[in-house]
Amino acid sequence: MKIKIICSLRHCKLPENPFQFKFSYFNLLPGQEHLDSAIFNNHLYKQIGNINIREFINKPFFFSFLEIKDKEDFTITTTKTFSALNALSSFIWFAKDNCIDAGLMYSYYADVDDIVLSRYKIANTSNANGEYSETLLNLEDIELAEKIFLKVTELQNNKPDKKKAPELVLDLTRPIISDTNYHYQDYNENNRIQRALSFLVMARSNSFLPLKISIYIAILETVFTTDSTEVNYKVCQRAAFYLGGDAETKFANFQKVKEAYDIRSKFFHGQELAKNKDKRENLASVSVEIDNIVRKVLTKVLFDDSEIFLKDNTFLNSYYNKLVFK
C-alpha cells in the first residue's frame, strides 16, 4: 500500500531560483500558485477544505510517497514522520535565528479515496525577538539542519553508534503544551545534550520574552552546571571560557550571560525587572544576544565535544576547571 504525505513549512520562503533538497524520502518543493493535482487531488480538497489548503499555496512544503504495511502502520508512520519533520525544521535554528515550523501535515492513500490523517503543531515557534516573520531558507541552512538531525539521532542513546545508520524517525524531546511521549518517560533517561535540546524547544515555543530568556539560561545551566553551588557565576564564567576568544571577547560574553541571568532571577522570583530592562525592546536585545550565545555553545557541543558532554559531573567539573585555568 502506498501513501502520500505533504507537510507545510510555516514562516519560510525559498530563493527565486529554488534549490533541490531531499531529506530521506522527502522532497522539499517550492510554493505553487496552482497546486499540482497529482498531489492535491479532489478527495484531499474535500477532506481538508479550502482554508487548510491555503497553507500550501505559494509556500514551500515537503512531499513523499511511502510504502506502508496496513492501516495500523499508516497511523504509526504518520506520527513518526511528523516528529522527524518537526525536528528537522526546528534544527534550522542552528543556521540562523528564525521561526520556521513544520505546520500542517496530511497523509492519505495514493490510489484510493479513503481516510486522511492530519498532524499539526500546537505551539508555534517564535524568533529570538519573540516575533513571527518569514525567513529566507537557503540550501546550506537546511543541509546544516540535516547534519544536526543525524548527529542528535546518533547521540540519543548516550554514545555514538557507528555500526548502525541513523534512522529517519527522531522522537525528539519536545515538552511543549501538547501531550507527547516526553511526558511519560523517566527524566533521567535523557542525557545532558537531550535535556538542553528539550529546553531549546521550550524557549523557542514561547514569545513572552522574560520566559524565553529564562529558558535560554536553563539551556546553559544544563550544559555548564555540575553541582548546586555558585551556579550563576559558574555558568557565566564557563560559557565565556568555553566559547573562547581574547580576554575582551570572554568578558563580553560573561556580561551578556549575566545580564540574561539577572532577568531570569527576577522573573522567576516574581520581582520587578530593572527599569532599564522592563521594556520589550530592551528584553528583545537581551534575548537576541543570549540566543546567539546558546547557538554557538550548542553547535560546539554537538560537533566538537559531544563525547565530553556525555560524561558524568565529576569529569565535567575537572574539564571546566582546566578550561578556566589553562
C-alpha atoms as a PDB file:
ATOM      1  CA  MET A   1       0.000   0.000   0.000  1.00  0.00           C
ATOM      2  CA  LYS A   2       1.281   3.442  -0.881  1.00  0.00           C
ATOM      3  CA  ILE A   3       0.517   6.724   0.829  1.00  0.00           C
ATOM      4  CA  LYS A   4       1.294  10.337   0.059  1.00  0.00           C
ATOM      5  CA  ILE A   5       2.455  12.773   2.726  1.00  0.00           C
ATOM      6  CA  ILE A   6       2.532  16.564   2.496  1.00  0.00           C
ATOM      7  CA  CYS A   7       3.824  18.844   5.234  1.00  0.00           C
ATOM      8  CA  SER A   8       3.886  22.635   5.089  1.00  0.00           C
ATOM      9  CA  LEU A   9       6.723  24.863   6.269  1.00  0.00           C
ATOM     10  CA  ARG A  10       5.470  27.961   8.033  1.00  0.00           C
ATOM     11  CA  HIS A  11       7.200  31.353   8.087  1.00  0.00           C
ATOM     12  CA  CYS A  12       9.522  30.193   5.349  1.00  0.00           C
ATOM     13  CA  LYS A  13      10.355  31.342   1.839  1.00  0.00           C
ATOM     14  CA  LEU A  14      12.771  29.920  -0.722  1.00  0.00           C
ATOM     15  CA  PRO A  15      15.081  31.811  -3.116  1.00  0.00           C
ATOM     16  CA  GLU A  16      13.700  32.882  -6.514  1.00  0.00           C
ATOM     17  CA  ASN A  17      15.651  30.015  -8.058  1.00  0.00           C
ATOM     18  CA  PRO A  18      14.621  27.191  -5.708  1.00  0.00           C
ATOM     19  CA  PHE A  19      17.220  24.592  -4.777  1.00  0.00           C
ATOM     20  CA  GLN A  20      16.803  20.815  -4.791  1.00  0.00           C
ATOM     21  CA  PHE A  21      16.751  19.214  -1.346  1.00  0.00           C
ATOM     22  CA  LYS A  22      15.889  15.656  -0.360  1.00  0.00           C
ATOM     23  CA  PHE A  23      15.545  14.586   3.282  1.00  0.00           C
ATOM     24  CA  SER A  24      15.439  10.798   3.480  1.00  0.00           C
ATOM     25  CA  TYR A  25      12.462  10.001   1.249  1.00  0.00           C
ATOM     26  CA  PHE A  26      11.065  13.547   1.291  1.00  0.00           C
ATOM     27  CA  ASN A  27      11.497  16.272  -1.317  1.00  0.00           C
ATOM     28  CA  LEU A  28      11.220  19.940  -0.413  1.00  0.00           C
ATOM     29  CA  LEU A  29       9.042  21.559  -3.057  1.00  0.00           C
ATOM     30  CA  PRO A  30       8.728  25.301  -3.754  1.00  0.00           C
ATOM     31  CA  GLY A  31       5.426  27.080  -3.331  1.00  0.00           C
ATOM     32  CA  GLN A  32       2.911  26.780  -6.150  1.00  0.00           C
ATOM     33  CA  GLU A  33       0.151  29.201  -7.019  1.00  0.00           C
ATOM     34  CA  HIS A  34      -1.732  26.388  -8.769  1.00  0.00           C
ATOM     35  CA  LEU A  35      -1.245  23.238  -6.737  1.00  0.00           C
ATOM     36  CA  ASP A  36      -0.270  20.042  -8.560  1.00  0.00           C
ATOM     37  CA  SER A  37      -3.413  17.941  -8.967  1.00  0.00           C
ATOM     38  CA  ALA A  38      -1.326  14.774  -8.781  1.00  0.00           C
ATOM     39  CA  ILE A  39      -0.571  15.701  -5.152  1.00  0.00           C
ATOM     40  CA  PHE A  40      -3.607  17.743  -4.171  1.00  0.00           C
ATOM     41  CA  ASN A  41      -6.418  15.663  -5.640  1.00  0.00           C
ATOM     42  CA  ASN A  42     -10.143  16.280  -5.291  1.00  0.00           C
ATOM     43  CA  HIS A  43     -10.505  13.829  -2.421  1.00  0.00           C
ATOM     44  CA  LEU A  44      -7.877  15.685  -0.387  1.00  0.00           C
ATOM     45  CA  TYR A  45      -9.576  19.011  -1.104  1.00  0.00           C
ATOM     46  CA  LYS A  46     -12.887  17.619   0.165  1.00  0.00           C
ATOM     47  CA  GLN A  47     -11.338  16.184   3.302  1.00  0.00           C
ATOM     48  CA  ILE A  48      -9.282  19.159   4.469  1.00  0.00           C
ATOM     49  CA  GLY A  49     -11.139  22.104   2.935  1.00  0.00           C
ATOM     50  CA  ASN A  50     -10.069  25.299   1.215  1.00  0.00           C
ATOM     51  CA  ILE A  51      -8.927  27.010   4.430  1.00  0.00           C
ATOM     52  CA  ASN A  52      -6.322  24.359   5.184  1.00  0.00           C
ATOM     53  CA  ILE A  53      -5.287  24.080   1.540  1.00  0.00           C
ATOM     54  CA  ARG A  54      -4.147  27.712   1.734  1.00  0.00           C
ATOM     55  CA  GLU A  55      -1.327  26.529   3.999  1.00  0.00           C
ATOM     56  CA  PHE A  56       0.314  25.115   0.846  1.00  0.00           C
ATOM     57  CA  ILE A  57      -0.400  27.790  -1.782  1.00  0.00           C
ATOM     58  CA  ASN A  58       2.768  29.721  -2.705  1.00  0.00           C
ATOM     59  CA  LYS A  59       4.530  28.203   0.303  1.00  0.00           C
ATOM     60  CA  PRO A  60       7.217  25.505   0.387  1.00  0.00           C
ATOM     61  CA  PHE A  61       6.254  22.048   1.593  1.00  0.00           C
ATOM     62  CA  PHE A  62       7.628  18.527   1.961  1.00  0.00           C
ATOM     63  CA  PHE A  63       6.191  15.728  -0.173  1.00  0.00           C
ATOM     64  CA  SER A  64       6.748  11.991  -0.359  1.00  0.00           C
ATOM     65  CA  PHE A  65       5.371   8.635  -1.474  1.00  0.00           C
ATOM     66  CA  LEU A  66       5.743   5.995   1.234  1.00  0.00           C
ATOM     67  CA  GLU A  67       5.128   2.264   1.331  1.00  0.00           C
ATOM     68  CA  ILE A  68       3.161   1.001   4.347  1.00  0.00           C
ATOM     69  CA  LYS A  69       2.014  -2.434   5.523  1.00  0.00           C
ATOM     70  CA  ASP A  70      -1.520  -1.792   6.773  1.00  0.00           C
ATOM     71  CA  LYS A  71      -3.811   0.779   8.411  1.00  0.00           C
ATOM     72  CA  GLU A  72      -2.058   0.483  11.769  1.00  0.00           C
ATOM     73  CA  ASP A  73       1.263   1.173  10.091  1.00  0.00           C
ATOM     74  CA  PHE A  74      -0.406   4.126   8.336  1.00  0.00           C
ATOM     75  CA  THR A  75      -1.069   5.819  11.696  1.00  0.00           C
ATOM     76  CA  ILE A  76       2.337   4.999  13.168  1.00  0.00           C
ATOM     77  CA  THR A  77       4.204   6.183  10.071  1.00  0.00           C
ATOM     78  CA  THR A  78       2.218   9.430  10.016  1.00  0.00           C
ATOM     79  CA  THR A  79       3.039  10.235  13.649  1.00  0.00           C
ATOM     80  CA  LYS A  80       6.725   9.339  13.392  1.00  0.00           C
ATOM     81  CA  THR A  81       7.150  11.240  10.135  1.00  0.00           C
ATOM     82  CA  PHE A  82       5.676  14.412  11.603  1.00  0.00           C
ATOM     83  CA  SER A  83       8.035  14.095  14.573  1.00  0.00           C
ATOM     84  CA  ALA A  84      11.012  13.837  12.212  1.00  0.00           C
ATOM     85  CA  LEU A  85       9.958  16.782  10.017  1.00  0.00           C
ATOM     86  CA  ASN A  86       9.309  18.839  13.147  1.00  0.00           C
ATOM     87  CA  ALA A  87      12.812  18.068  14.353  1.00  0.00           C
ATOM     88  CA  LEU A  88      14.391  18.916  11.001  1.00  0.00           C
ATOM     89  CA  SER A  89      12.600  22.277  10.788  1.00  0.00           C
ATOM     90  CA  SER A  90      13.497  23.132  14.378  1.00  0.00           C
ATOM     91  CA  PHE A  91      17.182  22.454  13.690  1.00  0.00           C
ATOM     92  CA  ILE A  92      17.262  25.215  11.056  1.00  0.00           C
ATOM     93  CA  TRP A  93      17.788  27.409  14.136  1.00  0.00           C
ATOM     94  CA  PHE A  94      21.412  26.204  14.201  1.00  0.00           C
ATOM     95  CA  ALA A  95      21.958  28.023  10.896  1.00  0.00           C
ATOM     96  CA  LYS A  96      20.256  31.279  11.924  1.00  0.00           C
ATOM     97  CA  ASP A  97      17.515  32.748  14.066  1.00  0.00           C
ATOM     98  CA  ASN A  98      14.080  32.064  12.562  1.00  0.00           C
ATOM     99  CA  CYS A  99      10.566  30.906  13.371  1.00  0.00           C
ATOM    100  CA  ILE A 100      10.253  28.272  10.632  1.00  0.00           C
ATOM    101  CA  ASP A 101       7.947  25.426  11.649  1.00  0.00           C
ATOM    102  CA  ALA A 102       6.588  22.228  10.246  1.00  0.00           C
ATOM    103  CA  GLY A 103       2.967  23.314  10.070  1.00  0.00           C
ATOM    104  CA  LEU A 104       0.158  21.108   8.811  1.00  0.00           C
ATOM    105  CA  MET A 105       0.833  17.550   7.683  1.00  0.00           C
ATOM    106  CA  TYR A 106      -1.576  15.253   5.849  1.00  0.00           C
ATOM    107  CA  SER A 107      -1.115  11.631   4.873  1.00  0.00           C
ATOM    108  CA  TYR A 108      -3.509   9.811   2.558  1.00  0.00           C
ATOM    109  CA  TYR A 109      -3.677   6.777   0.312  1.00  0.00           C
ATOM    110  CA  ALA A 110      -2.181   7.250  -3.118  1.00  0.00           C
ATOM    111  CA  ASP A 111      -4.632   5.142  -5.138  1.00  0.00           C
ATOM    112  CA  VAL A 112      -7.922   5.076  -3.210  1.00  0.00           C
ATOM    113  CA  ASP A 113     -10.192   7.708  -1.706  1.00  0.00           C
ATOM    114  CA  ASP A 114     -10.104   6.865   1.966  1.00  0.00           C
ATOM    115  CA  ILE A 115      -9.233   8.374   5.330  1.00  0.00           C
ATOM    116  CA  VAL A 116      -6.907  11.388   5.516  1.00  0.00           C
ATOM    117  CA  LEU A 117      -4.756  11.654   8.657  1.00  0.00           C
ATOM    118  CA  SER A 118      -3.569  15.029   9.903  1.00  0.00           C
ATOM    119  CA  ARG A 119      -0.903  16.198  12.301  1.00  0.00           C
ATOM    120  CA  TYR A 120      -0.133  19.757  13.344  1.00  0.00           C
ATOM    121  CA  LYS A 121       1.972  21.619  15.872  1.00  0.00           C
ATOM    122  CA  ILE A 122       0.027  23.447  18.561  1.00  0.00           C
ATOM    123  CA  ALA A 123       2.709  25.837  19.845  1.00  0.00           C
ATOM    124  CA  ASN A 124       4.291  27.920  17.100  1.00  0.00           C
ATOM    125  CA  THR A 125       7.980  28.768  17.168  1.00  0.00           C
ATOM    126  CA  SER A 126       8.958  32.422  17.549  1.00  0.00           C
ATOM    127  CA  ASN A 127      12.272  34.037  16.709  1.00  0.00           C
ATOM    128  CA  ALA A 128      14.640  35.435  19.339  1.00  0.00           C
ATOM    129  CA  ASN A 129      12.663  38.715  19.356  1.00  0.00           C
ATOM    130  CA  GLY A 130       9.534  36.776  20.270  1.00  0.00           C
ATOM    131  CA  GLU A 131       8.050  37.619  16.867  1.00  0.00           C
ATOM    132  CA  TYR A 132       6.802  35.746  13.803  1.00  0.00           C
ATOM    133  CA  SER A 133       8.113  36.637  10.373  1.00  0.00           C
ATOM    134  CA  GLU A 134       9.201  34.899   7.183  1.00  0.00           C
ATOM    135  CA  THR A 135      12.812  33.785   6.862  1.00  0.00           C
ATOM    136  CA  LEU A 136      14.651  33.101   3.617  1.00  0.00           C
ATOM    137  CA  LEU A 137      15.754  29.459   3.666  1.00  0.00           C
ATOM    138  CA  ASN A 138      18.919  28.642   1.723  1.00  0.00           C
ATOM    139  CA  LEU A 139      20.278  25.235   0.793  1.00  0.00           C
ATOM    140  CA  GLU A 140      23.171  25.482   3.269  1.00  0.00           C
ATOM    141  CA  ASP A 141      20.699  26.263   6.074  1.00  0.00           C
ATOM    142  CA  ILE A 142      18.677  23.099   5.649  1.00  0.00           C
ATOM    143  CA  GLU A 143      21.748  20.983   4.931  1.00  0.00           C
ATOM    144  CA  LEU A 144      23.124  22.061   8.308  1.00  0.00           C
ATOM    145  CA  ALA A 145      19.757  21.210   9.895  1.00  0.00           C
ATOM    146  CA  GLU A 146      20.021  17.721   8.413  1.00  0.00           C
ATOM    147  CA  LYS A 147      23.558  17.317   9.819  1.00  0.00           C
ATOM    148  CA  ILE A 148      22.287  18.324  13.258  1.00  0.00           C
ATOM    149  CA  PHE A 149      19.384  15.882  12.888  1.00  0.00           C
ATOM    150  CA  LEU A 150      21.733  12.992  12.126  1.00  0.00           C
ATOM    151  CA  LYS A 151      24.110  13.977  14.918  1.00  0.00           C
ATOM    152  CA  VAL A 152      21.328  14.135  17.507  1.00  0.00           C
ATOM    153  CA  THR A 153      19.963  10.811  16.292  1.00  0.00           C
ATOM    154  CA  GLU A 154      23.419   9.333  16.756  1.00  0.00           C
ATOM    155  CA  LEU A 155      23.677  10.656  20.311  1.00  0.00           C
ATOM    156  CA  GLN A 156      20.232   9.671  21.552  1.00  0.00           C
ATOM    157  CA  ASN A 157      21.463   6.587  23.343  1.00  0.00           C
ATOM    158  CA  ASN A 158      24.239   8.467  25.157  1.00  0.00           C
ATOM    159  CA  LYS A 159      27.046   7.420  22.841  1.00  0.00           C
ATOM    160  CA  PRO A 160      27.670   7.369  19.090  1.00  0.00           C
ATOM    161  CA  ASP A 161      26.660   4.119  17.409  1.00  0.00           C
ATOM    162  CA  LYS A 162      28.876   3.897  14.375  1.00  0.00           C
ATOM    163  CA  LYS A 163      27.605   0.468  13.316  1.00  0.00           C
ATOM    164  CA  LYS A 164      24.004   1.493  12.891  1.00  0.00           C
ATOM    165  CA  ALA A 165      22.971   4.012  10.250  1.00  0.00           C
ATOM    166  CA  PRO A 166      20.799   6.868  11.585  1.00  0.00           C
ATOM    167  CA  GLU A 167      17.084   6.364  11.054  1.00  0.00           C
ATOM    168  CA  LEU A 168      14.665   8.983   9.856  1.00  0.00           C
ATOM    169  CA  VAL A 169      12.463   8.768  12.930  1.00  0.00           C
ATOM    170  CA  LEU A 170      13.617  11.010  15.741  1.00  0.00           C
ATOM    171  CA  ASP A 171      11.326  11.078  18.742  1.00  0.00           C
ATOM    172  CA  LEU A 172      12.837  14.381  19.791  1.00  0.00           C
ATOM    173  CA  THR A 173      12.139  15.538  23.322  1.00  0.00           C
ATOM    174  CA  ARG A 174       9.598  18.282  22.738  1.00  0.00           C
ATOM    175  CA  PRO A 175       7.867  19.116  26.031  1.00  0.00           C
ATOM    176  CA  ILE A 176       5.579  21.870  24.795  1.00  0.00           C
ATOM    177  CA  ILE A 177       1.897  22.395  25.572  1.00  0.00           C
ATOM    178  CA  SER A 178       0.718  19.333  23.692  1.00  0.00           C
ATOM    179  CA  ASP A 179       0.868  15.809  25.092  1.00  0.00           C
ATOM    180  CA  THR A 180       3.995  13.972  23.926  1.00  0.00           C
ATOM    181  CA  ASN A 181       5.920  10.801  24.763  1.00  0.00           C
ATOM    182  CA  TYR A 182       8.367  13.008  26.647  1.00  0.00           C
ATOM    183  CA  HIS A 183       5.790  13.393  29.426  1.00  0.00           C
ATOM    184  CA  TYR A 184       5.766   9.661  30.113  1.00  0.00           C
ATOM    185  CA  GLN A 185       9.442   8.728  30.176  1.00  0.00           C
ATOM    186  CA  ASP A 186      11.770   8.956  33.155  1.00  0.00           C
ATOM    187  CA  TYR A 187      13.506  12.331  33.040  1.00  0.00           C
ATOM    188  CA  ASN A 188      16.904  10.890  33.911  1.00  0.00           C
ATOM    189  CA  GLU A 189      16.811   8.713  30.810  1.00  0.00           C
ATOM    190  CA  ASN A 190      17.694  11.836  28.839  1.00  0.00           C
ATOM    191  CA  ASN A 191      21.366  12.723  28.587  1.00  0.00           C
ATOM    192  CA  ARG A 192      22.682  16.252  29.096  1.00  0.00           C
ATOM    193  CA  ILE A 193      22.521  17.083  25.390  1.00  0.00           C
ATOM    194  CA  GLN A 194      18.939  15.864  25.046  1.00  0.00           C
ATOM    195  CA  ARG A 195      17.882  17.905  28.064  1.00  0.00           C
ATOM    196  CA  ALA A 196      19.495  21.020  26.589  1.00  0.00           C
ATOM    197  CA  LEU A 197      17.697  20.470  23.284  1.00  0.00           C
ATOM    198  CA  SER A 198      14.354  19.996  25.029  1.00  0.00           C
ATOM    199  CA  PHE A 199      14.845  23.345  26.784  1.00  0.00           C
ATOM    200  CA  LEU A 200      15.681  24.871  23.394  1.00  0.00           C
ATOM    201  CA  VAL A 201      12.308  23.757  22.048  1.00  0.00           C
ATOM    202  CA  MET A 202      10.560  25.280  25.068  1.00  0.00           C
ATOM    203  CA  ALA A 203      12.432  28.579  24.710  1.00  0.00           C
ATOM    204  CA  ARG A 204      11.625  28.887  21.029  1.00  0.00           C
ATOM    205  CA  SER A 205       7.965  27.938  21.606  1.00  0.00           C
ATOM    206  CA  ASN A 206       7.473  30.983  23.846  1.00  0.00           C
ATOM    207  CA  SER A 207       7.172  34.560  22.629  1.00  0.00           C
ATOM    208  CA  PHE A 208       6.933  36.063  26.142  1.00  0.00           C
ATOM    209  CA  LEU A 209      10.465  37.412  26.397  1.00  0.00           C
ATOM    210  CA  PRO A 210      11.128  37.147  30.162  1.00  0.00           C
ATOM    211  CA  LEU A 211      10.191  33.457  29.976  1.00  0.00           C
ATOM    212  CA  LYS A 212      12.089  32.893  26.714  1.00  0.00           C
ATOM    213  CA  ILE A 213      15.252  34.416  28.203  1.00  0.00           C
ATOM    214  CA  SER A 214      14.810  32.350  31.368  1.00  0.00           C
ATOM    215  CA  ILE A 215      14.650  29.109  29.422  1.00  0.00           C
ATOM    216  CA  TYR A 216      17.715  30.061  27.385  1.00  0.00           C
ATOM    217  CA  ILE A 217      19.522  30.285  30.729  1.00  0.00           C
ATOM    218  CA  ALA A 218      18.198  26.820  31.610  1.00  0.00           C
ATOM    219  CA  ILE A 219      19.958  25.536  28.473  1.00  0.00           C
ATOM    220  CA  LEU A 220      23.267  26.988  29.632  1.00  0.00           C
ATOM    221  CA  GLU A 221      22.722  25.606  33.124  1.00  0.00           C
ATOM    222  CA  THR A 222      22.113  22.167  31.643  1.00  0.00           C
ATOM    223  CA  VAL A 223      25.401  22.346  29.758  1.00  0.00           C
ATOM    224  CA  PHE A 224      27.597  24.066  32.328  1.00  0.00           C
ATOM    225  CA  THR A 225      26.454  23.018  35.828  1.00  0.00           C
ATOM    226  CA  THR A 226      27.955  20.078  37.700  1.00  0.00           C
ATOM    227  CA  ASP A 227      26.718  20.899  41.232  1.00  0.00           C
ATOM    228  CA  SER A 228      24.402  23.327  43.030  1.00  0.00           C
ATOM    229  CA  THR A 229      26.905  25.844  44.378  1.00  0.00           C
ATOM    230  CA  GLU A 230      27.608  29.285  42.845  1.00  0.00           C
ATOM    231  CA  VAL A 231      25.588  28.238  39.809  1.00  0.00           C
ATOM    232  CA  ASN A 232      25.059  31.753  38.452  1.00  0.00           C
ATOM    233  CA  TYR A 233      28.747  32.688  38.453  1.00  0.00           C
ATOM    234  CA  LYS A 234      29.926  29.299  37.186  1.00  0.00           C
ATOM    235  CA  VAL A 235      27.536  29.304  34.229  1.00  0.00           C
ATOM    236  CA  CYS A 236      28.574  32.832  33.177  1.00  0.00           C
ATOM    237  CA  GLN A 237      32.261  32.028  33.551  1.00  0.00           C
ATOM    238  CA  ARG A 238      32.177  28.595  31.938  1.00  0.00           C
ATOM    239  CA  ALA A 239      30.097  29.770  28.974  1.00  0.00           C
ATOM    240  CA  ALA A 240      32.573  32.597  28.338  1.00  0.00           C
ATOM    241  CA  PHE A 241      35.638  30.370  28.559  1.00  0.00           C
ATOM    242  CA  TYR A 242      34.032  27.565  26.559  1.00  0.00           C
ATOM    243  CA  LEU A 243      33.329  29.901  23.639  1.00  0.00           C
ATOM    244  CA  GLY A 244      36.856  31.265  23.906  1.00  0.00           C
ATOM    245  CA  GLY A 245      38.399  34.246  22.179  1.00  0.00           C
ATOM    246  CA  ASP A 246      40.566  37.002  23.603  1.00  0.00           C
ATOM    247  CA  ALA A 247      40.065  38.450  27.072  1.00  0.00           C
ATOM    248  CA  GLU A 248      37.758  41.184  25.777  1.00  0.00           C
ATOM    249  CA  THR A 249      35.511  38.653  23.971  1.00  0.00           C
ATOM    250  CA  LYS A 250      35.332  36.395  27.017  1.00  0.00           C
ATOM    251  CA  PHE A 251      34.404  39.292  29.274  1.00  0.00           C
ATOM    252  CA  ALA A 252      31.723  40.483  26.820  1.00  0.00           C
ATOM    253  CA  ASN A 253      30.151  37.013  26.708  1.00  0.00           C
ATOM    254  CA  PHE A 254      30.351  36.763  30.509  1.00  0.00           C
ATOM    255  CA  GLN A 255      28.438  40.049  30.797  1.00  0.00           C
ATOM    256  CA  LYS A 256      25.813  39.020  28.253  1.00  0.00           C
ATOM    257  CA  VAL A 257      25.045  35.767  30.080  1.00  0.00           C
ATOM    258  CA  LYS A 258      24.996  37.599  33.431  1.00  0.00           C
ATOM    259  CA  GLU A 259      22.547  40.181  32.073  1.00  0.00           C
ATOM    260  CA  ALA A 260      20.189  37.433  30.923  1.00  0.00           C
ATOM    261  CA  TYR A 261      20.684  35.620  34.239  1.00  0.00           C
ATOM    262  CA  ASP A 262      19.648  38.719  36.194  1.00  0.00           C
ATOM    263  CA  ILE A 263      16.404  38.916  34.194  1.00  0.00           C
ATOM    264  CA  ARG A 264      15.760  35.196  34.779  1.00  0.00           C
ATOM    265  CA  SER A 265      16.328  35.503  38.539  1.00  0.00           C
ATOM    266  CA  LYS A 266      13.973  38.442  38.996  1.00  0.00           C
ATOM    267  CA  PHE A 267      11.316  36.984  36.704  1.00  0.00           C
ATOM    268  CA  PHE A 268      11.276  33.533  38.318  1.00  0.00           C
ATOM    269  CA  HIS A 269      11.109  35.108  41.788  1.00  0.00           C
ATOM    270  CA  GLY A 270       8.191  37.316  40.784  1.00  0.00           C
ATOM    271  CA  GLN A 271      10.134  40.548  41.214  1.00  0.00           C
ATOM    272  CA  GLU A 272      10.046  43.656  39.079  1.00  0.00           C
ATOM    273  CA  LEU A 273      12.701  43.827  36.406  1.00  0.00           C
ATOM    274  CA  ALA A 274      15.283  46.593  36.475  1.00  0.00           C
ATOM    275  CA  LYS A 275      13.863  49.790  34.994  1.00  0.00           C
ATOM    276  CA  ASN A 276      16.189  49.649  32.002  1.00  0.00           C
ATOM    277  CA  LYS A 277      15.132  46.069  31.265  1.00  0.00           C
ATOM    278  CA  ASP A 278      11.343  46.124  31.589  1.00  0.00           C
ATOM    279  CA  LYS A 279      10.677  47.481  28.074  1.00  0.00           C
ATOM    280  CA  ARG A 280      10.079  44.976  25.299  1.00  0.00           C
ATOM    281  CA  GLU A 281      12.757  46.430  23.011  1.00  0.00           C
ATOM    282  CA  ASN A 282      15.358  46.045  25.781  1.00  0.00           C
ATOM    283  CA  LEU A 283      14.270  42.497  26.532  1.00  0.00           C
ATOM    284  CA  ALA A 284      14.403  41.689  22.807  1.00  0.00           C
ATOM    285  CA  SER A 285      18.002  42.897  22.642  1.00  0.00           C
ATOM    286  CA  VAL A 286      18.994  40.623  25.548  1.00  0.00           C
ATOM    287  CA  SER A 287      17.057  37.722  24.044  1.00  0.00           C
ATOM    288  CA  VAL A 288      18.843  38.040  20.695  1.00  0.00           C
ATOM    289  CA  GLU A 289      22.241  38.146  22.414  1.00  0.00           C
ATOM    290  CA  ILE A 290      21.600  35.086  24.573  1.00  0.00           C
ATOM    291  CA  ASP A 291      20.065  33.258  21.605  1.00  0.00           C
ATOM    292  CA  ASN A 292      23.304  33.790  19.664  1.00  0.00           C
ATOM    293  CA  ILE A 293      25.414  32.573  22.585  1.00  0.00           C
ATOM    294  CA  VAL A 294      23.279  29.465  23.034  1.00  0.00           C
ATOM    295  CA  ARG A 295      23.528  28.726  19.302  1.00  0.00           C
ATOM    296  CA  LYS A 296      27.337  28.906  19.401  1.00  0.00           C
ATOM    297  CA  VAL A 297      27.512  26.775  22.542  1.00  0.00           C
ATOM    298  CA  LEU A 298      25.215  24.013  21.287  1.00  0.00           C
ATOM    299  CA  THR A 299      26.863  23.907  17.862  1.00  0.00           C
ATOM    300  CA  LYS A 300      30.271  23.464  19.502  1.00  0.00           C
ATOM    301  CA  VAL A 301      28.881  20.854  21.919  1.00  0.00           C
ATOM    302  CA  LEU A 302      27.337  18.778  19.124  1.00  0.00           C
ATOM    303  CA  PHE A 303      30.092  18.915  16.513  1.00  0.00           C
ATOM    304  CA  ASP A 304      33.270  19.228  18.589  1.00  0.00           C
ATOM    305  CA  ASP A 305      32.668  17.982  22.120  1.00  0.00           C
ATOM    306  CA  SER A 306      29.666  15.652  22.222  1.00  0.00           C
ATOM    307  CA  GLU A 307      31.605  12.833  23.894  1.00  0.00           C
ATOM    308  CA  ILE A 308      32.766  15.203  26.641  1.00  0.00           C
ATOM    309  CA  PHE A 309      29.215  16.284  27.447  1.00  0.00           C
ATOM    310  CA  LEU A 310      28.026  12.695  27.792  1.00  0.00           C
ATOM    311  CA  LYS A 311      30.470  12.214  30.696  1.00  0.00           C
ATOM    312  CA  ASP A 312      29.466  12.452  34.365  1.00  0.00           C
ATOM    313  CA  ASN A 313      29.601  15.556  36.570  1.00  0.00           C
ATOM    314  CA  THR A 314      32.969  14.665  38.114  1.00  0.00           C
ATOM    315  CA  PHE A 315      34.644  14.524  34.724  1.00  0.00           C
ATOM    316  CA  LEU A 316      32.953  17.724  33.533  1.00  0.00           C
ATOM    317  CA  ASN A 317      33.873  19.619  36.679  1.00  0.00           C
ATOM    318  CA  SER A 318      37.529  18.786  36.097  1.00  0.00           C
ATOM    319  CA  TYR A 319      37.165  19.715  32.420  1.00  0.00           C
ATOM    320  CA  TYR A 320      35.762  23.158  33.298  1.00  0.00           C
ATOM    321  CA  ASN A 321      38.432  23.843  35.890  1.00  0.00           C
ATOM    322  CA  LYS A 322      41.128  23.081  33.326  1.00  0.00           C
ATOM    323  CA  LEU A 323      39.296  25.232  30.772  1.00  0.00           C
ATOM    324  CA  VAL A 324      39.287  28.247  33.082  1.00  0.00           C
ATOM    325  CA  PHE A 325      42.865  27.929  34.323  1.00  0.00           C
ATOM    326  CA  LYS A 326      44.672  26.780  31.211  1.00  0.00           C
END
